[in-house]
Amino acid sequence: MQIFYFSKKKILLYLSAILLILVGIVCGRCFLHSAQPTLNPIYIGDTKEKAVALMFNVDWGEEVIPEILTVLEEKEVKATFFITGRFAKKFPELVKTIAHAGHEIGNHGYSHPYPNKLNLEQNIQEIKRTEEVFNEIGIEITPLFAPPYGEHGPVVLQAAHQLAYKTIMWTLDTIDWQDPEPEVILERILPKADHGSLILMHPKECTLRALPKLIDSLRKDDYSFKTVSAII
């Protein structure tokens, strides 16, 4: 029987090499995992920086959006607009105006259904049909999905994941679809705003009236504004 003898130095070298390989494998897996969309919905952005993201879910409100864009331009704020496919198909020029103003465009499904009532394939088609509409009008869509009504059951999350989308929820909700007074919107957001907050809004008249003061108040408190993809 042949016996091999190794010096202590060689053994340490071999062990170090094995350790480096293992570390490389673990880091590689971590990188791949972080680079891929997660099944889990995202409720908040990076909390290390004092920044927030304004996000508008759009399936109606074409009469208010131009004025909202004017406020955002005057305040030098870029927002994220999650738009349904049917809205983009009906108002392509307005959607182009949003995109050309430098705002981010996300996917809000096609027909604004209740996603939890759909099966996996139906949810996939809702997202893909919206992609097709945006491709037709020549607008790039960011792979972010805001499910209608905030419904995010397992099949909804799986559909987004299969299409390489991140599912976006919100940190703070203005609940502006109930048509509250602008002061109520401010009271719902300003005291609770924090690092990484995703602030959900809709193109409503009450939101338009609250928006200038909302931006000014957050900025006065040293918050900066980012798009959703930049903050998560």
C-alpha atoms as a PDB file:
ATOM      1  CA  MET A   1       0.000   0.000   0.000  1.00  0.00           C
ATOM      2  CA  GLN A   2       1.345   3.377  -1.026  1.00  0.00           C
ATOM      3  CA  ILE A   3       1.235   6.127   1.611  1.00  0.00           C
ATOM      4  CA  PHE A   4       1.278   9.804   0.653  1.00  0.00           C
ATOM      5  CA  TYR A   5       2.686  12.386   3.001  1.00  0.00           C
ATOM      6  CA  PHE A   6       1.727  16.053   2.747  1.00  0.00           C
ATOM      7  CA  SER A   7       3.414  18.940   4.447  1.00  0.00           C
ATOM      8  CA  LYS A   8       1.403  21.214   6.686  1.00  0.00           C
ATOM      9  CA  LYS A   9       1.907  23.999   4.141  1.00  0.00           C
ATOM     10  CA  LYS A  10       0.390  21.937   1.308  1.00  0.00           C
ATOM     11  CA  ILE A  11      -2.568  20.922   3.434  1.00  0.00           C
ATOM     12  CA  LEU A  12      -3.268  24.559   4.257  1.00  0.00           C
ATOM     13  CA  LEU A  13      -3.030  25.486   0.571  1.00  0.00           C
ATOM     14  CA  TYR A  14      -5.482  22.742  -0.401  1.00  0.00           C
ATOM     15  CA  LEU A  15      -7.910  23.747   2.340  1.00  0.00           C
ATOM     16  CA  SER A  16      -7.673  27.406   1.324  1.00  0.00           C
ATOM     17  CA  ALA A  17      -8.390  26.514  -2.302  1.00  0.00           C
ATOM     18  CA  ILE A  18     -11.417  24.429  -1.315  1.00  0.00           C
ATOM     19  CA  LEU A  19     -12.677  27.256   0.900  1.00  0.00           C
ATOM     20  CA  LEU A  20     -12.334  29.796  -1.927  1.00  0.00           C
ATOM     21  CA  ILE A  21     -14.258  27.522  -4.293  1.00  0.00           C
ATOM     22  CA  LEU A  22     -17.070  27.096  -1.766  1.00  0.00           C
ATOM     23  CA  VAL A  23     -17.238  30.843  -1.135  1.00  0.00           C
ATOM     24  CA  GLY A  24     -17.375  31.452  -4.886  1.00  0.00           C
ATOM     25  CA  ILE A  25     -20.253  29.016  -5.296  1.00  0.00           C
ATOM     26  CA  VAL A  26     -22.231  30.598  -2.453  1.00  0.00           C
ATOM     27  CA  CYS A  27     -21.609  34.147  -3.716  1.00  0.00           C
ATOM     28  CA  GLY A  28     -22.548  33.131  -7.239  1.00  0.00           C
ATOM     29  CA  ARG A  29     -25.817  31.680  -6.048  1.00  0.00           C
ATOM     30  CA  CYS A  30     -26.530  34.801  -3.999  1.00  0.00           C
ATOM     31  CA  PHE A  31     -25.849  37.006  -7.017  1.00  0.00           C
ATOM     32  CA  LEU A  32     -28.107  34.987  -9.286  1.00  0.00           C
ATOM     33  CA  HIS A  33     -30.841  35.012  -6.661  1.00  0.00           C
ATOM     34  CA  SER A  34     -30.628  38.778  -6.175  1.00  0.00           C
ATOM     35  CA  ALA A  35     -30.597  39.408  -9.929  1.00  0.00           C
ATOM     36  CA  GLN A  36     -33.783  37.455 -10.517  1.00  0.00           C
ATOM     37  CA  PRO A  37     -37.288  38.683  -9.675  1.00  0.00           C
ATOM     38  CA  THR A  38     -38.551  37.321  -6.403  1.00  0.00           C
ATOM     39  CA  LEU A  39     -41.909  35.660  -5.870  1.00  0.00           C
ATOM     40  CA  ASN A  40     -42.484  37.871  -2.849  1.00  0.00           C
ATOM     41  CA  PRO A  41     -44.263  41.195  -3.431  1.00  0.00           C
ATOM     42  CA  ILE A  42     -42.297  44.355  -2.673  1.00  0.00           C
ATOM     43  CA  TYR A  43     -43.823  46.773  -0.179  1.00  0.00           C
ATOM     44  CA  ILE A  44     -40.934  49.167   0.426  1.00  0.00           C
ATOM     45  CA  GLY A  45     -37.772  50.362  -1.251  1.00  0.00           C
ATOM     46  CA  ASP A  46     -34.222  50.740   0.007  1.00  0.00           C
ATOM     47  CA  THR A  47     -34.371  52.097   3.541  1.00  0.00           C
ATOM     48  CA  LYS A  48     -30.737  53.248   3.582  1.00  0.00           C
ATOM     49  CA  GLU A  49     -31.486  56.443   1.679  1.00  0.00           C
ATOM     50  CA  LYS A  50     -33.977  59.170   2.565  1.00  0.00           C
ATOM     51  CA  ALA A  51     -36.015  58.844  -0.613  1.00  0.00           C
ATOM     52  CA  VAL A  52     -39.579  57.968  -1.606  1.00  0.00           C
ATOM     53  CA  ALA A  53     -41.271  56.899  -4.840  1.00  0.00           C
ATOM     54  CA  LEU A  54     -44.540  58.305  -6.143  1.00  0.00           C
ATOM     55  CA  MET A  55     -46.534  55.684  -8.041  1.00  0.00           C
ATOM     56  CA  PHE A  56     -49.755  56.168  -9.981  1.00  0.00           C
ATOM     57  CA  ASN A  57     -51.997  53.235 -10.883  1.00  0.00           C
ATOM     58  CA  VAL A  58     -53.776  54.176 -14.101  1.00  0.00           C
ATOM     59  CA  ASP A  59     -56.892  52.643 -15.653  1.00  0.00           C
ATOM     60  CA  TRP A  60     -58.805  55.927 -15.939  1.00  0.00           C
ATOM     61  CA  GLY A  61     -58.210  59.610 -15.184  1.00  0.00           C
ATOM     62  CA  GLU A  62     -57.130  60.747 -18.646  1.00  0.00           C
ATOM     63  CA  GLU A  63     -58.604  64.188 -17.943  1.00  0.00           C
ATOM     64  CA  VAL A  64     -56.392  64.723 -14.874  1.00  0.00           C
ATOM     65  CA  ILE A  65     -53.104  63.167 -15.992  1.00  0.00           C
ATOM     66  CA  PRO A  66     -51.905  66.157 -18.092  1.00  0.00           C
ATOM     67  CA  GLU A  67     -52.226  68.430 -15.048  1.00  0.00           C
ATOM     68  CA  ILE A  68     -50.458  65.881 -12.847  1.00  0.00           C
ATOM     69  CA  LEU A  69     -47.622  65.782 -15.387  1.00  0.00           C
ATOM     70  CA  THR A  70     -47.412  69.576 -15.248  1.00  0.00           C
ATOM     71  CA  VAL A  71     -47.043  69.527 -11.451  1.00  0.00           C
ATOM     72  CA  LEU A  72     -44.392  66.802 -11.619  1.00  0.00           C
ATOM     73  CA  GLU A  73     -42.470  68.769 -14.243  1.00  0.00           C
ATOM     74  CA  GLU A  74     -42.643  71.989 -12.230  1.00  0.00           C
ATOM     75  CA  LYS A  75     -41.444  70.164  -9.110  1.00  0.00           C
ATOM     76  CA  GLU A  76     -38.781  68.216 -11.074  1.00  0.00           C
ATOM     77  CA  VAL A  77     -40.053  64.851  -9.851  1.00  0.00           C
ATOM     78  CA  LYS A  78     -40.016  61.600 -11.816  1.00  0.00           C
ATOM     79  CA  ALA A  79     -42.753  59.127 -10.893  1.00  0.00           C
ATOM     80  CA  THR A  80     -43.752  55.600 -11.877  1.00  0.00           C
ATOM     81  CA  PHE A  81     -47.032  55.100 -13.740  1.00  0.00           C
ATOM     82  CA  PHE A  82     -48.502  51.586 -13.684  1.00  0.00           C
ATOM     83  CA  ILE A  83     -50.817  51.591 -16.695  1.00  0.00           C
ATOM     84  CA  THR A  84     -53.336  49.027 -17.930  1.00  0.00           C
ATOM     85  CA  GLY A  85     -53.106  47.767 -21.479  1.00  0.00           C
ATOM     86  CA  ARG A  86     -56.622  48.873 -22.339  1.00  0.00           C
ATOM     87  CA  PHE A  87     -55.881  52.428 -21.168  1.00  0.00           C
ATOM     88  CA  ALA A  88     -52.704  52.540 -23.272  1.00  0.00           C
ATOM     89  CA  LYS A  89     -54.611  51.208 -26.278  1.00  0.00           C
ATOM     90  CA  LYS A  90     -57.305  53.867 -25.872  1.00  0.00           C
ATOM     91  CA  PHE A  91     -54.957  56.784 -25.088  1.00  0.00           C
ATOM     92  CA  PRO A  92     -51.630  55.993 -26.803  1.00  0.00           C
ATOM     93  CA  GLU A  93     -50.617  59.635 -27.244  1.00  0.00           C
ATOM     94  CA  LEU A  94     -51.175  60.392 -23.565  1.00  0.00           C
ATOM     95  CA  VAL A  95     -49.098  57.366 -22.587  1.00  0.00           C
ATOM     96  CA  LYS A  96     -46.342  58.533 -24.932  1.00  0.00           C
ATOM     97  CA  THR A  97     -46.465  61.945 -23.260  1.00  0.00           C
ATOM     98  CA  ILE A  98     -45.978  60.303 -19.852  1.00  0.00           C
ATOM     99  CA  ALA A  99     -43.027  58.260 -21.084  1.00  0.00           C
ATOM    100  CA  HIS A 100     -41.406  61.100 -23.030  1.00  0.00           C
ATOM    101  CA  ALA A 101     -41.549  63.267 -19.899  1.00  0.00           C
ATOM    102  CA  GLY A 102     -39.104  60.791 -18.356  1.00  0.00           C
ATOM    103  CA  HIS A 103     -41.501  58.940 -16.093  1.00  0.00           C
ATOM    104  CA  GLU A 104     -41.254  55.208 -15.586  1.00  0.00           C
ATOM    105  CA  ILE A 105     -43.940  52.936 -17.050  1.00  0.00           C
ATOM    106  CA  GLY A 106     -44.956  49.759 -15.223  1.00  0.00           C
ATOM    107  CA  ASN A 107     -47.491  47.022 -15.989  1.00  0.00           C
ATOM    108  CA  HIS A 108     -50.956  47.172 -14.381  1.00  0.00           C
ATOM    109  CA  GLY A 109     -52.438  44.244 -16.288  1.00  0.00           C
ATOM    110  CA  TYR A 110     -54.664  44.640 -19.335  1.00  0.00           C
ATOM    111  CA  SER A 111     -58.312  44.832 -18.271  1.00  0.00           C
ATOM    112  CA  HIS A 112     -58.068  45.580 -14.530  1.00  0.00           C
ATOM    113  CA  PRO A 113     -59.710  42.317 -13.394  1.00  0.00           C
ATOM    114  CA  TYR A 114     -59.577  40.774  -9.944  1.00  0.00           C
ATOM    115  CA  PRO A 115     -56.338  38.783 -10.388  1.00  0.00           C
ATOM    116  CA  ASN A 116     -57.048  36.324  -7.572  1.00  0.00           C
ATOM    117  CA  LYS A 117     -60.110  35.137  -9.518  1.00  0.00           C
ATOM    118  CA  LEU A 118     -57.993  34.281 -12.569  1.00  0.00           C
ATOM    119  CA  ASN A 119     -55.924  31.163 -13.136  1.00  0.00           C
ATOM    120  CA  LEU A 120     -52.200  31.209 -13.873  1.00  0.00           C
ATOM    121  CA  GLU A 121     -52.526  31.382 -17.658  1.00  0.00           C
ATOM    122  CA  GLN A 122     -55.116  34.161 -17.491  1.00  0.00           C
ATOM    123  CA  ASN A 123     -52.835  36.224 -15.249  1.00  0.00           C
ATOM    124  CA  ILE A 124     -49.939  35.646 -17.622  1.00  0.00           C
ATOM    125  CA  GLN A 125     -52.044  36.837 -20.550  1.00  0.00           C
ATOM    126  CA  GLU A 126     -53.089  39.988 -18.658  1.00  0.00           C
ATOM    127  CA  ILE A 127     -49.438  40.963 -18.302  1.00  0.00           C
ATOM    128  CA  LYS A 128     -48.382  39.885 -21.798  1.00  0.00           C
ATOM    129  CA  ARG A 129     -51.271  41.654 -23.571  1.00  0.00           C
ATOM    130  CA  THR A 130     -50.220  44.884 -21.888  1.00  0.00           C
ATOM    131  CA  GLU A 131     -46.637  44.345 -23.032  1.00  0.00           C
ATOM    132  CA  GLU A 132     -47.897  43.899 -26.591  1.00  0.00           C
ATOM    133  CA  VAL A 133     -49.826  47.176 -26.500  1.00  0.00           C
ATOM    134  CA  PHE A 134     -46.784  49.089 -25.299  1.00  0.00           C
ATOM    135  CA  ASN A 135     -44.632  47.449 -27.962  1.00  0.00           C
ATOM    136  CA  GLU A 136     -47.164  48.537 -30.590  1.00  0.00           C
ATOM    137  CA  ILE A 137     -46.987  52.175 -29.519  1.00  0.00           C
ATOM    138  CA  GLY A 138     -43.213  52.068 -29.156  1.00  0.00           C
ATOM    139  CA  ILE A 139     -42.928  52.553 -25.408  1.00  0.00           C
ATOM    140  CA  GLU A 140     -40.530  50.569 -23.240  1.00  0.00           C
ATOM    141  CA  ILE A 141     -42.172  49.029 -20.197  1.00  0.00           C
ATOM    142  CA  THR A 142     -40.215  48.336 -17.003  1.00  0.00           C
ATOM    143  CA  PRO A 143     -40.649  44.747 -15.691  1.00  0.00           C
ATOM    144  CA  LEU A 144     -42.608  45.869 -12.641  1.00  0.00           C
ATOM    145  CA  PHE A 145     -46.154  44.624 -12.081  1.00  0.00           C
ATOM    146  CA  ALA A 146     -48.700  46.342  -9.845  1.00  0.00           C
ATOM    147  CA  PRO A 147     -51.633  43.916  -9.644  1.00  0.00           C
ATOM    148  CA  PRO A 148     -55.093  45.520  -9.797  1.00  0.00           C
ATOM    149  CA  TYR A 149     -56.741  45.982  -6.399  1.00  0.00           C
ATOM    150  CA  GLY A 150     -53.455  44.891  -4.814  1.00  0.00           C
ATOM    151  CA  GLU A 151     -54.489  41.238  -5.163  1.00  0.00           C
ATOM    152  CA  HIS A 152     -51.409  39.050  -5.042  1.00  0.00           C
ATOM    153  CA  GLY A 153     -52.389  35.439  -4.467  1.00  0.00           C
ATOM    154  CA  PRO A 154     -49.977  32.596  -5.345  1.00  0.00           C
ATOM    155  CA  VAL A 155     -50.978  32.350  -9.023  1.00  0.00           C
ATOM    156  CA  VAL A 156     -50.675  36.134  -9.448  1.00  0.00           C
ATOM    157  CA  LEU A 157     -47.156  36.137  -8.021  1.00  0.00           C
ATOM    158  CA  GLN A 158     -46.220  33.075 -10.068  1.00  0.00           C
ATOM    159  CA  ALA A 159     -47.449  34.673 -13.295  1.00  0.00           C
ATOM    160  CA  ALA A 160     -45.364  37.796 -12.705  1.00  0.00           C
ATOM    161  CA  HIS A 161     -42.353  35.713 -11.726  1.00  0.00           C
ATOM    162  CA  GLN A 162     -42.567  33.539 -14.838  1.00  0.00           C
ATOM    163  CA  LEU A 163     -42.499  36.667 -16.982  1.00  0.00           C
ATOM    164  CA  ALA A 164     -39.504  38.054 -15.030  1.00  0.00           C
ATOM    165  CA  TYR A 165     -41.535  40.801 -13.352  1.00  0.00           C
ATOM    166  CA  LYS A 166     -41.264  42.055  -9.795  1.00  0.00           C
ATOM    167  CA  THR A 167     -44.635  42.433  -8.083  1.00  0.00           C
ATOM    168  CA  ILE A 168     -45.000  45.882  -6.541  1.00  0.00           C
ATOM    169  CA  MET A 169     -47.372  46.743  -3.713  1.00  0.00           C
ATOM    170  CA  TRP A 170     -47.124  49.929  -1.649  1.00  0.00           C
ATOM    171  CA  THR A 171     -45.936  51.275   1.682  1.00  0.00           C
ATOM    172  CA  LEU A 172     -48.455  54.114   1.999  1.00  0.00           C
ATOM    173  CA  ASP A 173     -51.859  54.365   0.334  1.00  0.00           C
ATOM    174  CA  THR A 174     -53.551  57.723  -0.249  1.00  0.00           C
ATOM    175  CA  ILE A 175     -56.903  55.912  -0.727  1.00  0.00           C
ATOM    176  CA  ASP A 176     -57.629  58.753  -3.130  1.00  0.00           C
ATOM    177  CA  TRP A 177     -60.157  56.679  -5.075  1.00  0.00           C
ATOM    178  CA  GLN A 178     -62.576  57.549  -2.265  1.00  0.00           C
ATOM    179  CA  ASP A 179     -62.274  61.241  -3.228  1.00  0.00           C
ATOM    180  CA  PRO A 180     -61.075  62.548   0.147  1.00  0.00           C
ATOM    181  CA  GLU A 181     -60.193  66.169   0.696  1.00  0.00           C
ATOM    182  CA  PRO A 182     -56.555  66.986  -0.192  1.00  0.00           C
ATOM    183  CA  GLU A 183     -55.819  67.612   3.494  1.00  0.00           C
ATOM    184  CA  VAL A 184     -56.860  64.037   4.283  1.00  0.00           C
ATOM    185  CA  ILE A 185     -54.421  62.703   1.686  1.00  0.00           C
ATOM    186  CA  LEU A 186     -51.623  64.734   3.253  1.00  0.00           C
ATOM    187  CA  GLU A 187     -52.538  63.483   6.726  1.00  0.00           C
ATOM    188  CA  ARG A 188     -52.418  59.890   5.492  1.00  0.00           C
ATOM    189  CA  ILE A 189     -48.953  60.237   3.995  1.00  0.00           C
ATOM    190  CA  LEU A 190     -46.775  62.910   5.598  1.00  0.00           C
ATOM    191  CA  PRO A 191     -46.687  61.658   9.221  1.00  0.00           C
ATOM    192  CA  LYS A 192     -45.908  58.099   8.081  1.00  0.00           C
ATOM    193  CA  ALA A 193     -43.461  58.749   5.239  1.00  0.00           C
ATOM    194  CA  ASP A 194     -40.125  57.060   5.781  1.00  0.00           C
ATOM    195  CA  HIS A 195     -37.006  55.938   3.955  1.00  0.00           C
ATOM    196  CA  GLY A 196     -37.968  53.867   0.902  1.00  0.00           C
ATOM    197  CA  SER A 197     -41.717  54.521   1.058  1.00  0.00           C
ATOM    198  CA  LEU A 198     -43.713  53.585  -2.037  1.00  0.00           C
ATOM    199  CA  ILE A 199     -46.624  56.032  -2.135  1.00  0.00           C
ATOM    200  CA  LEU A 200     -49.695  54.842  -4.046  1.00  0.00           C
ATOM    201  CA  MET A 201     -51.905  57.314  -5.883  1.00  0.00           C
ATOM    202  CA  HIS A 202     -54.386  57.480  -8.756  1.00  0.00           C
ATOM    203  CA  PRO A 203     -55.134  60.230 -11.293  1.00  0.00           C
ATOM    204  CA  LYS A 204     -57.871  61.937  -9.285  1.00  0.00           C
ATOM    205  CA  GLU A 205     -58.741  65.604  -8.870  1.00  0.00           C
ATOM    206  CA  CYS A 206     -58.171  65.370  -5.105  1.00  0.00           C
ATOM    207  CA  THR A 207     -54.713  63.909  -5.739  1.00  0.00           C
ATOM    208  CA  LEU A 208     -53.870  66.686  -8.165  1.00  0.00           C
ATOM    209  CA  ARG A 209     -54.806  69.276  -5.549  1.00  0.00           C
ATOM    210  CA  ALA A 210     -52.764  67.551  -2.835  1.00  0.00           C
ATOM    211  CA  LEU A 211     -49.716  66.793  -4.987  1.00  0.00           C
ATOM    212  CA  PRO A 212     -47.847  70.142  -4.868  1.00  0.00           C
ATOM    213  CA  LYS A 213     -47.981  70.372  -1.079  1.00  0.00           C
ATOM    214  CA  LEU A 214     -47.168  66.671  -0.716  1.00  0.00           C
ATOM    215  CA  ILE A 215     -44.003  67.078  -2.772  1.00  0.00           C
ATOM    216  CA  ASP A 216     -43.007  70.355  -1.113  1.00  0.00           C
ATOM    217  CA  SER A 217     -43.531  68.963   2.398  1.00  0.00           C
ATOM    218  CA  LEU A 218     -41.524  65.803   1.733  1.00  0.00           C
ATOM    219  CA  ARG A 219     -38.735  67.787   0.108  1.00  0.00           C
ATOM    220  CA  LYS A 220     -38.690  70.223   3.034  1.00  0.00           C
ATOM    221  CA  ASP A 221     -38.125  67.181   5.240  1.00  0.00           C
ATOM    222  CA  ASP A 222     -35.083  66.321   3.070  1.00  0.00           C
ATOM    223  CA  TYR A 223     -36.681  63.498   1.077  1.00  0.00           C
ATOM    224  CA  SER A 224     -35.622  62.976  -2.509  1.00  0.00           C
ATOM    225  CA  PHE A 225     -37.822  61.358  -5.154  1.00  0.00           C
ATOM    226  CA  LYS A 226     -37.017  58.262  -7.177  1.00  0.00           C
ATOM    227  CA  THR A 227     -38.797  55.950  -9.569  1.00  0.00           C
ATOM    228  CA  VAL A 228     -39.811  52.554  -8.218  1.00  0.00           C
ATOM    229  CA  SER A 229     -37.089  50.657 -10.082  1.00  0.00           C
ATOM    230  CA  ALA A 230     -34.472  53.073  -8.740  1.00  0.00           C
ATOM    231  CA  ILE A 231     -35.575  52.775  -5.120  1.00  0.00           C
ATOM    232  CA  ILE A 232     -36.141  49.022  -4.733  1.00  0.00           C
END
